Amino acid sequence: MVIWSTLVKAEKLEDFCTRDIRSWIQINIASPGFYAREENDWDLRFDSILWLIWKNRNRRIFYPDYFEHESVLEKRRRLTIEANRAMESSLSTIQLSHRSCTMTDAWQPPPHNWCKINTDGSRDIGSGFTSCGGVLRSSNGGWMLGFSKAIGIYSVVEAELWGIHEDLSHAWNLGERLITVETDSMEVVRMLKKNTKR
């Protein structure tokens, strides 16, 4: 509350704190002047604050002795500056190279009436904890579902497989039967194509 009250218009603060989450996110992304005291870079500031609050919450849960040296607002300022620099650098690189987006760079839709799963898994090297996540989109690219899940101590390959399993389960529960799966793990692709009991 302390963080948001410094950034949100005083007369809009109650609405900001009580609105349903879907419209809250949509308004903050699509109409930066609605809540924000300063519209400039609100998309970056809003996103970075959400990310930092989430990270701080997780640190307090998983590392109770962790001490935060930098406030969320200080980190937000730094992240916004870094993001702006990265975008400026990226734009200048694109303008210099005149590189156009190739078909392999972009998401490719599945056939008509199919849906597509894009999934991934990750593993923290230090602790061994893994998580997986994925998205499900229709043949016209429309968002159907997204998820992320902490799954315990596993290998990266197992995390990738969990991601595929979770995404397929969600798609199946939505009534989807024509499903394309996309993953960045060649080992997982080889395993799934082979006839194996593993």
C-alpha atoms as a PDB file:
ATOM      1  CA  MET A   1       0.000   0.000   0.000  1.00  0.00           C
ATOM      2  CA  VAL A   2       2.886   2.350   0.811  1.00  0.00           C
ATOM      3  CA  ILE A   3       4.387   1.737  -2.634  1.00  0.00           C
ATOM      4  CA  TRP A   4       1.174   2.261  -4.615  1.00  0.00           C
ATOM      5  CA  SER A   5       0.074   5.316  -2.618  1.00  0.00           C
ATOM      6  CA  THR A   6       3.212   7.178  -3.719  1.00  0.00           C
ATOM      7  CA  LEU A   7       2.507   6.490  -7.408  1.00  0.00           C
ATOM      8  CA  VAL A   8      -1.296   6.454  -7.754  1.00  0.00           C
ATOM      9  CA  LYS A   9      -3.548   9.526  -7.750  1.00  0.00           C
ATOM     10  CA  ALA A  10      -4.982   9.985  -4.242  1.00  0.00           C
ATOM     11  CA  GLU A  11      -8.582  10.215  -5.507  1.00  0.00           C
ATOM     12  CA  LYS A  12      -8.168   6.934  -7.448  1.00  0.00           C
ATOM     13  CA  LEU A  13      -6.340   4.922  -4.784  1.00  0.00           C
ATOM     14  CA  GLU A  14      -9.421   3.181  -3.360  1.00  0.00           C
ATOM     15  CA  ASP A  15     -10.578   2.114  -6.840  1.00  0.00           C
ATOM     16  CA  PHE A  16      -7.007   1.026  -7.659  1.00  0.00           C
ATOM     17  CA  CYS A  17      -6.919  -1.230  -4.579  1.00  0.00           C
ATOM     18  CA  THR A  18     -10.390  -2.760  -4.925  1.00  0.00           C
ATOM     19  CA  ARG A  19     -10.917  -3.282  -8.674  1.00  0.00           C
ATOM     20  CA  ASP A  20     -11.044  -6.869  -9.998  1.00  0.00           C
ATOM     21  CA  ILE A  21      -7.635  -8.050 -11.176  1.00  0.00           C
ATOM     22  CA  ARG A  22      -8.401  -8.424 -14.888  1.00  0.00           C
ATOM     23  CA  SER A  23      -9.702  -4.888 -15.406  1.00  0.00           C
ATOM     24  CA  TRP A  24      -7.043  -3.571 -12.994  1.00  0.00           C
ATOM     25  CA  ILE A  25      -4.253  -4.928 -15.206  1.00  0.00           C
ATOM     26  CA  GLN A  26      -5.985  -3.851 -18.433  1.00  0.00           C
ATOM     27  CA  ILE A  27      -6.494  -0.274 -17.232  1.00  0.00           C
ATOM     28  CA  ASN A  28      -2.932   0.065 -15.979  1.00  0.00           C
ATOM     29  CA  ILE A  29      -1.484  -1.201 -19.248  1.00  0.00           C
ATOM     30  CA  ALA A  30      -3.888   0.390 -21.738  1.00  0.00           C
ATOM     31  CA  SER A  31      -4.683   3.692 -19.970  1.00  0.00           C
ATOM     32  CA  PRO A  32      -1.607   4.792 -18.004  1.00  0.00           C
ATOM     33  CA  GLY A  33      -3.082   8.176 -17.048  1.00  0.00           C
ATOM     34  CA  PHE A  34      -6.123   6.675 -15.353  1.00  0.00           C
ATOM     35  CA  TYR A  35      -4.390   5.817 -12.065  1.00  0.00           C
ATOM     36  CA  ALA A  36      -0.798   7.020 -12.360  1.00  0.00           C
ATOM     37  CA  ARG A  37       0.286  10.399 -11.059  1.00  0.00           C
ATOM     38  CA  GLU A  38       2.899  10.434 -13.827  1.00  0.00           C
ATOM     39  CA  GLU A  39       1.936   8.764 -17.119  1.00  0.00           C
ATOM     40  CA  ASN A  40       5.479   8.717 -18.489  1.00  0.00           C
ATOM     41  CA  ASP A  41       6.831   5.124 -18.564  1.00  0.00           C
ATOM     42  CA  TRP A  42       3.895   3.883 -16.463  1.00  0.00           C
ATOM     43  CA  ASP A  43       3.876   0.576 -18.331  1.00  0.00           C
ATOM     44  CA  LEU A  44       7.484  -0.088 -17.297  1.00  0.00           C
ATOM     45  CA  ARG A  45       7.019   1.235 -13.771  1.00  0.00           C
ATOM     46  CA  PHE A  46       3.804  -0.734 -13.188  1.00  0.00           C
ATOM     47  CA  ASP A  47       5.277  -3.997 -14.542  1.00  0.00           C
ATOM     48  CA  SER A  48       8.538  -3.658 -12.638  1.00  0.00           C
ATOM     49  CA  ILE A  49       6.753  -2.921  -9.350  1.00  0.00           C
ATOM     50  CA  LEU A  50       4.540  -6.001  -9.745  1.00  0.00           C
ATOM     51  CA  TRP A  51       7.635  -8.097 -10.499  1.00  0.00           C
ATOM     52  CA  LEU A  52       9.580  -6.702  -7.536  1.00  0.00           C
ATOM     53  CA  ILE A  53       6.689  -7.143  -5.086  1.00  0.00           C
ATOM     54  CA  TRP A  54       6.359 -10.763  -6.266  1.00  0.00           C
ATOM     55  CA  LYS A  55      10.111 -11.386  -5.876  1.00  0.00           C
ATOM     56  CA  ASN A  56      10.174  -9.831  -2.407  1.00  0.00           C
ATOM     57  CA  ARG A  57       7.201 -11.938  -1.332  1.00  0.00           C
ATOM     58  CA  ASN A  58       8.927 -15.123  -2.515  1.00  0.00           C
ATOM     59  CA  ARG A  59      12.177 -14.164  -0.784  1.00  0.00           C
ATOM     60  CA  ARG A  60      10.353 -13.638   2.504  1.00  0.00           C
ATOM     61  CA  ILE A  61       8.721 -17.070   2.169  1.00  0.00           C
ATOM     62  CA  PHE A  62      11.723 -19.113   0.983  1.00  0.00           C
ATOM     63  CA  TYR A  63      14.551 -17.173   2.679  1.00  0.00           C
ATOM     64  CA  PRO A  64      13.208 -15.792   6.004  1.00  0.00           C
ATOM     65  CA  ASP A  65      16.649 -14.436   7.005  1.00  0.00           C
ATOM     66  CA  TYR A  66      17.087 -12.464   3.765  1.00  0.00           C
ATOM     67  CA  PHE A  67      17.502  -8.727   4.276  1.00  0.00           C
ATOM     68  CA  GLU A  68      16.525  -6.311   1.483  1.00  0.00           C
ATOM     69  CA  HIS A  69      19.067  -3.500   1.114  1.00  0.00           C
ATOM     70  CA  GLU A  70      17.251  -1.634  -1.651  1.00  0.00           C
ATOM     71  CA  SER A  71      13.588  -0.604  -1.546  1.00  0.00           C
ATOM     72  CA  VAL A  72      11.117  -1.646  -4.227  1.00  0.00           C
ATOM     73  CA  LEU A  73      10.866   1.972  -5.422  1.00  0.00           C
ATOM     74  CA  GLU A  74      14.666   2.295  -5.713  1.00  0.00           C
ATOM     75  CA  LYS A  75      14.872  -0.975  -7.646  1.00  0.00           C
ATOM     76  CA  ARG A  76      11.944   0.132  -9.812  1.00  0.00           C
ATOM     77  CA  ARG A  77      13.801   3.323 -10.791  1.00  0.00           C
ATOM     78  CA  ARG A  78      16.882   1.313 -11.701  1.00  0.00           C
ATOM     79  CA  LEU A  79      14.888  -1.282 -13.673  1.00  0.00           C
ATOM     80  CA  THR A  80      13.014   1.429 -15.593  1.00  0.00           C
ATOM     81  CA  ILE A  81      16.273   3.144 -16.538  1.00  0.00           C
ATOM     82  CA  GLU A  82      17.815  -0.185 -17.595  1.00  0.00           C
ATOM     83  CA  ALA A  83      14.727  -1.116 -19.632  1.00  0.00           C
ATOM     84  CA  ASN A  84      14.704   2.242 -21.416  1.00  0.00           C
ATOM     85  CA  ARG A  85      18.413   1.906 -22.223  1.00  0.00           C
ATOM     86  CA  ALA A  86      17.890  -1.637 -23.501  1.00  0.00           C
ATOM     87  CA  MET A  87      14.990  -0.537 -25.724  1.00  0.00           C
ATOM     88  CA  GLU A  88      16.970   2.420 -27.088  1.00  0.00           C
ATOM     89  CA  SER A  89      19.946   0.160 -27.776  1.00  0.00           C
ATOM     90  CA  SER A  90      17.723  -2.440 -29.399  1.00  0.00           C
ATOM     91  CA  LEU A  91      16.001   0.139 -31.595  1.00  0.00           C
ATOM     92  CA  SER A  92      19.300   1.612 -32.735  1.00  0.00           C
ATOM     93  CA  THR A  93      20.640  -1.865 -33.529  1.00  0.00           C
ATOM     94  CA  ILE A  94      17.539  -2.702 -35.558  1.00  0.00           C
ATOM     95  CA  GLN A  95      17.725   0.605 -37.408  1.00  0.00           C
ATOM     96  CA  LEU A  96      21.412   0.086 -38.177  1.00  0.00           C
ATOM     97  CA  SER A  97      21.042  -3.460 -39.408  1.00  0.00           C
ATOM     98  CA  HIS A  98      17.699  -3.007 -41.196  1.00  0.00           C
ATOM     99  CA  ARG A  99      17.039  -6.586 -40.195  1.00  0.00           C
ATOM    100  CA  SER A 100      13.505  -7.776 -40.812  1.00  0.00           C
ATOM    101  CA  CYS A 101      11.775 -10.434 -38.776  1.00  0.00           C
ATOM    102  CA  THR A 102      11.976 -13.840 -40.442  1.00  0.00           C
ATOM    103  CA  MET A 103       9.300 -16.470 -40.190  1.00  0.00           C
ATOM    104  CA  THR A 104      11.471 -18.566 -37.833  1.00  0.00           C
ATOM    105  CA  ASP A 105      11.648 -15.653 -35.353  1.00  0.00           C
ATOM    106  CA  ALA A 106       7.889 -15.338 -34.982  1.00  0.00           C
ATOM    107  CA  TRP A 107       5.340 -17.593 -33.319  1.00  0.00           C
ATOM    108  CA  GLN A 108       3.779 -19.846 -35.931  1.00  0.00           C
ATOM    109  CA  PRO A 109       0.070 -20.626 -35.534  1.00  0.00           C
ATOM    110  CA  PRO A 110      -1.157 -24.217 -35.639  1.00  0.00           C
ATOM    111  CA  PRO A 111      -3.568 -25.408 -38.364  1.00  0.00           C
ATOM    112  CA  HIS A 112      -7.164 -24.159 -38.317  1.00  0.00           C
ATOM    113  CA  ASN A 113      -9.196 -25.540 -35.363  1.00  0.00           C
ATOM    114  CA  TRP A 114      -6.019 -26.687 -33.598  1.00  0.00           C
ATOM    115  CA  CYS A 115      -4.448 -25.105 -30.540  1.00  0.00           C
ATOM    116  CA  LYS A 116      -0.779 -24.758 -29.728  1.00  0.00           C
ATOM    117  CA  ILE A 117       1.104 -25.300 -26.482  1.00  0.00           C
ATOM    118  CA  ASN A 118       4.388 -23.516 -25.841  1.00  0.00           C
ATOM    119  CA  THR A 119       6.033 -24.805 -22.687  1.00  0.00           C
ATOM    120  CA  ASP A 120       9.296 -24.609 -20.775  1.00  0.00           C
ATOM    121  CA  GLY A 121      10.924 -25.826 -17.598  1.00  0.00           C
ATOM    122  CA  SER A 122      13.679 -24.346 -15.459  1.00  0.00           C
ATOM    123  CA  ARG A 123      15.936 -25.411 -12.599  1.00  0.00           C
ATOM    124  CA  ASP A 124      17.753 -23.381  -9.966  1.00  0.00           C
ATOM    125  CA  ILE A 125      21.355 -24.623 -10.012  1.00  0.00           C
ATOM    126  CA  GLY A 126      21.981 -23.928  -6.329  1.00  0.00           C
ATOM    127  CA  SER A 127      18.894 -25.476  -4.750  1.00  0.00           C
ATOM    128  CA  GLY A 128      17.825 -27.904  -7.488  1.00  0.00           C
ATOM    129  CA  PHE A 129      14.253 -26.611  -7.298  1.00  0.00           C
ATOM    130  CA  THR A 130      12.432 -26.677 -10.615  1.00  0.00           C
ATOM    131  CA  SER A 131       9.404 -25.014 -12.099  1.00  0.00           C
ATOM    132  CA  CYS A 132       7.516 -25.216 -15.347  1.00  0.00           C
ATOM    133  CA  GLY A 133       5.213 -22.962 -17.271  1.00  0.00           C
ATOM    134  CA  GLY A 134       3.379 -22.685 -20.516  1.00  0.00           C
ATOM    135  CA  VAL A 135       0.774 -21.012 -22.644  1.00  0.00           C
ATOM    136  CA  LEU A 136      -2.063 -22.326 -24.765  1.00  0.00           C
ATOM    137  CA  ARG A 137      -3.165 -20.342 -27.812  1.00  0.00           C
ATOM    138  CA  SER A 138      -5.740 -20.878 -30.543  1.00  0.00           C
ATOM    139  CA  SER A 139      -5.046 -21.123 -34.278  1.00  0.00           C
ATOM    140  CA  ASN A 140      -5.591 -17.361 -34.655  1.00  0.00           C
ATOM    141  CA  GLY A 141      -3.098 -16.651 -31.848  1.00  0.00           C
ATOM    142  CA  GLY A 142      -5.772 -15.916 -29.240  1.00  0.00           C
ATOM    143  CA  TRP A 143      -4.819 -16.442 -25.591  1.00  0.00           C
ATOM    144  CA  MET A 144      -6.566 -19.444 -24.076  1.00  0.00           C
ATOM    145  CA  LEU A 145      -4.604 -20.197 -20.915  1.00  0.00           C
ATOM    146  CA  GLY A 146      -1.268 -19.695 -19.186  1.00  0.00           C
ATOM    147  CA  PHE A 147       0.241 -21.318 -16.118  1.00  0.00           C
ATOM    148  CA  SER A 148       3.350 -21.633 -13.991  1.00  0.00           C
ATOM    149  CA  LYS A 149       4.024 -24.215 -11.319  1.00  0.00           C
ATOM    150  CA  ALA A 150       6.725 -25.038  -8.783  1.00  0.00           C
ATOM    151  CA  ILE A 151       7.312 -28.787  -8.966  1.00  0.00           C
ATOM    152  CA  GLY A 152      10.115 -29.654  -6.514  1.00  0.00           C
ATOM    153  CA  ILE A 153      13.642 -30.997  -6.969  1.00  0.00           C
ATOM    154  CA  TYR A 154      14.007 -32.529 -10.428  1.00  0.00           C
ATOM    155  CA  SER A 155      16.279 -32.398 -13.461  1.00  0.00           C
ATOM    156  CA  VAL A 156      15.767 -29.832 -16.225  1.00  0.00           C
ATOM    157  CA  VAL A 157      14.473 -32.566 -18.535  1.00  0.00           C
ATOM    158  CA  GLU A 158      11.910 -33.625 -15.944  1.00  0.00           C
ATOM    159  CA  ALA A 159      10.849 -29.983 -15.533  1.00  0.00           C
ATOM    160  CA  GLU A 160      10.354 -29.734 -19.316  1.00  0.00           C
ATOM    161  CA  LEU A 161       8.281 -32.934 -19.296  1.00  0.00           C
ATOM    162  CA  TRP A 162       6.180 -31.666 -16.367  1.00  0.00           C
ATOM    163  CA  GLY A 163       5.502 -28.478 -18.349  1.00  0.00           C
ATOM    164  CA  ILE A 164       4.241 -30.463 -21.323  1.00  0.00           C
ATOM    165  CA  HIS A 165       2.129 -32.713 -19.080  1.00  0.00           C
ATOM    166  CA  GLU A 166       0.561 -29.751 -17.265  1.00  0.00           C
ATOM    167  CA  ASP A 167      -0.161 -27.853 -20.486  1.00  0.00           C
ATOM    168  CA  LEU A 168      -1.691 -30.936 -22.143  1.00  0.00           C
ATOM    169  CA  SER A 169      -3.845 -31.543 -19.058  1.00  0.00           C
ATOM    170  CA  HIS A 170      -5.122 -27.960 -19.139  1.00  0.00           C
ATOM    171  CA  ALA A 171      -5.831 -28.173 -22.877  1.00  0.00           C
ATOM    172  CA  TRP A 172      -7.640 -31.487 -22.438  1.00  0.00           C
ATOM    173  CA  ASN A 173      -9.750 -30.050 -19.596  1.00  0.00           C
ATOM    174  CA  LEU A 174     -10.751 -27.177 -21.894  1.00  0.00           C
ATOM    175  CA  GLY A 175     -12.056 -29.743 -24.382  1.00  0.00           C
ATOM    176  CA  GLU A 176      -9.183 -29.381 -26.851  1.00  0.00           C
ATOM    177  CA  ARG A 177      -8.256 -32.535 -28.746  1.00  0.00           C
ATOM    178  CA  LEU A 178      -6.225 -31.169 -31.693  1.00  0.00           C
ATOM    179  CA  ILE A 179      -3.064 -29.948 -29.990  1.00  0.00           C
ATOM    180  CA  THR A 180       0.424 -29.035 -31.201  1.00  0.00           C
ATOM    181  CA  VAL A 181       3.225 -28.987 -28.607  1.00  0.00           C
ATOM    182  CA  GLU A 182       6.291 -26.754 -28.921  1.00  0.00           C
ATOM    183  CA  THR A 183       9.301 -27.027 -26.585  1.00  0.00           C
ATOM    184  CA  ASP A 184      12.916 -25.866 -26.772  1.00  0.00           C
ATOM    185  CA  SER A 185      14.362 -29.136 -25.450  1.00  0.00           C
ATOM    186  CA  MET A 186      15.610 -31.503 -28.167  1.00  0.00           C
ATOM    187  CA  GLU A 187      16.202 -34.213 -25.550  1.00  0.00           C
ATOM    188  CA  VAL A 188      12.534 -34.085 -24.531  1.00  0.00           C
ATOM    189  CA  VAL A 189      11.431 -34.177 -28.183  1.00  0.00           C
ATOM    190  CA  ARG A 190      13.617 -37.248 -28.808  1.00  0.00           C
ATOM    191  CA  MET A 191      12.265 -38.946 -25.659  1.00  0.00           C
ATOM    192  CA  LEU A 192       8.656 -38.319 -26.634  1.00  0.00           C
ATOM    193  CA  LYS A 193       9.194 -39.557 -30.185  1.00  0.00           C
ATOM    194  CA  LYS A 194      10.859 -42.779 -29.028  1.00  0.00           C
ATOM    195  CA  ASN A 195       8.911 -45.783 -27.840  1.00  0.00           C
ATOM    196  CA  THR A 196      10.296 -45.904 -24.303  1.00  0.00           C
ATOM    197  CA  LYS A 197       9.034 -46.853 -20.852  1.00  0.00           C
ATOM    198  CA  ARG A 198      11.039 -44.034 -19.239  1.00  0.00           C
END
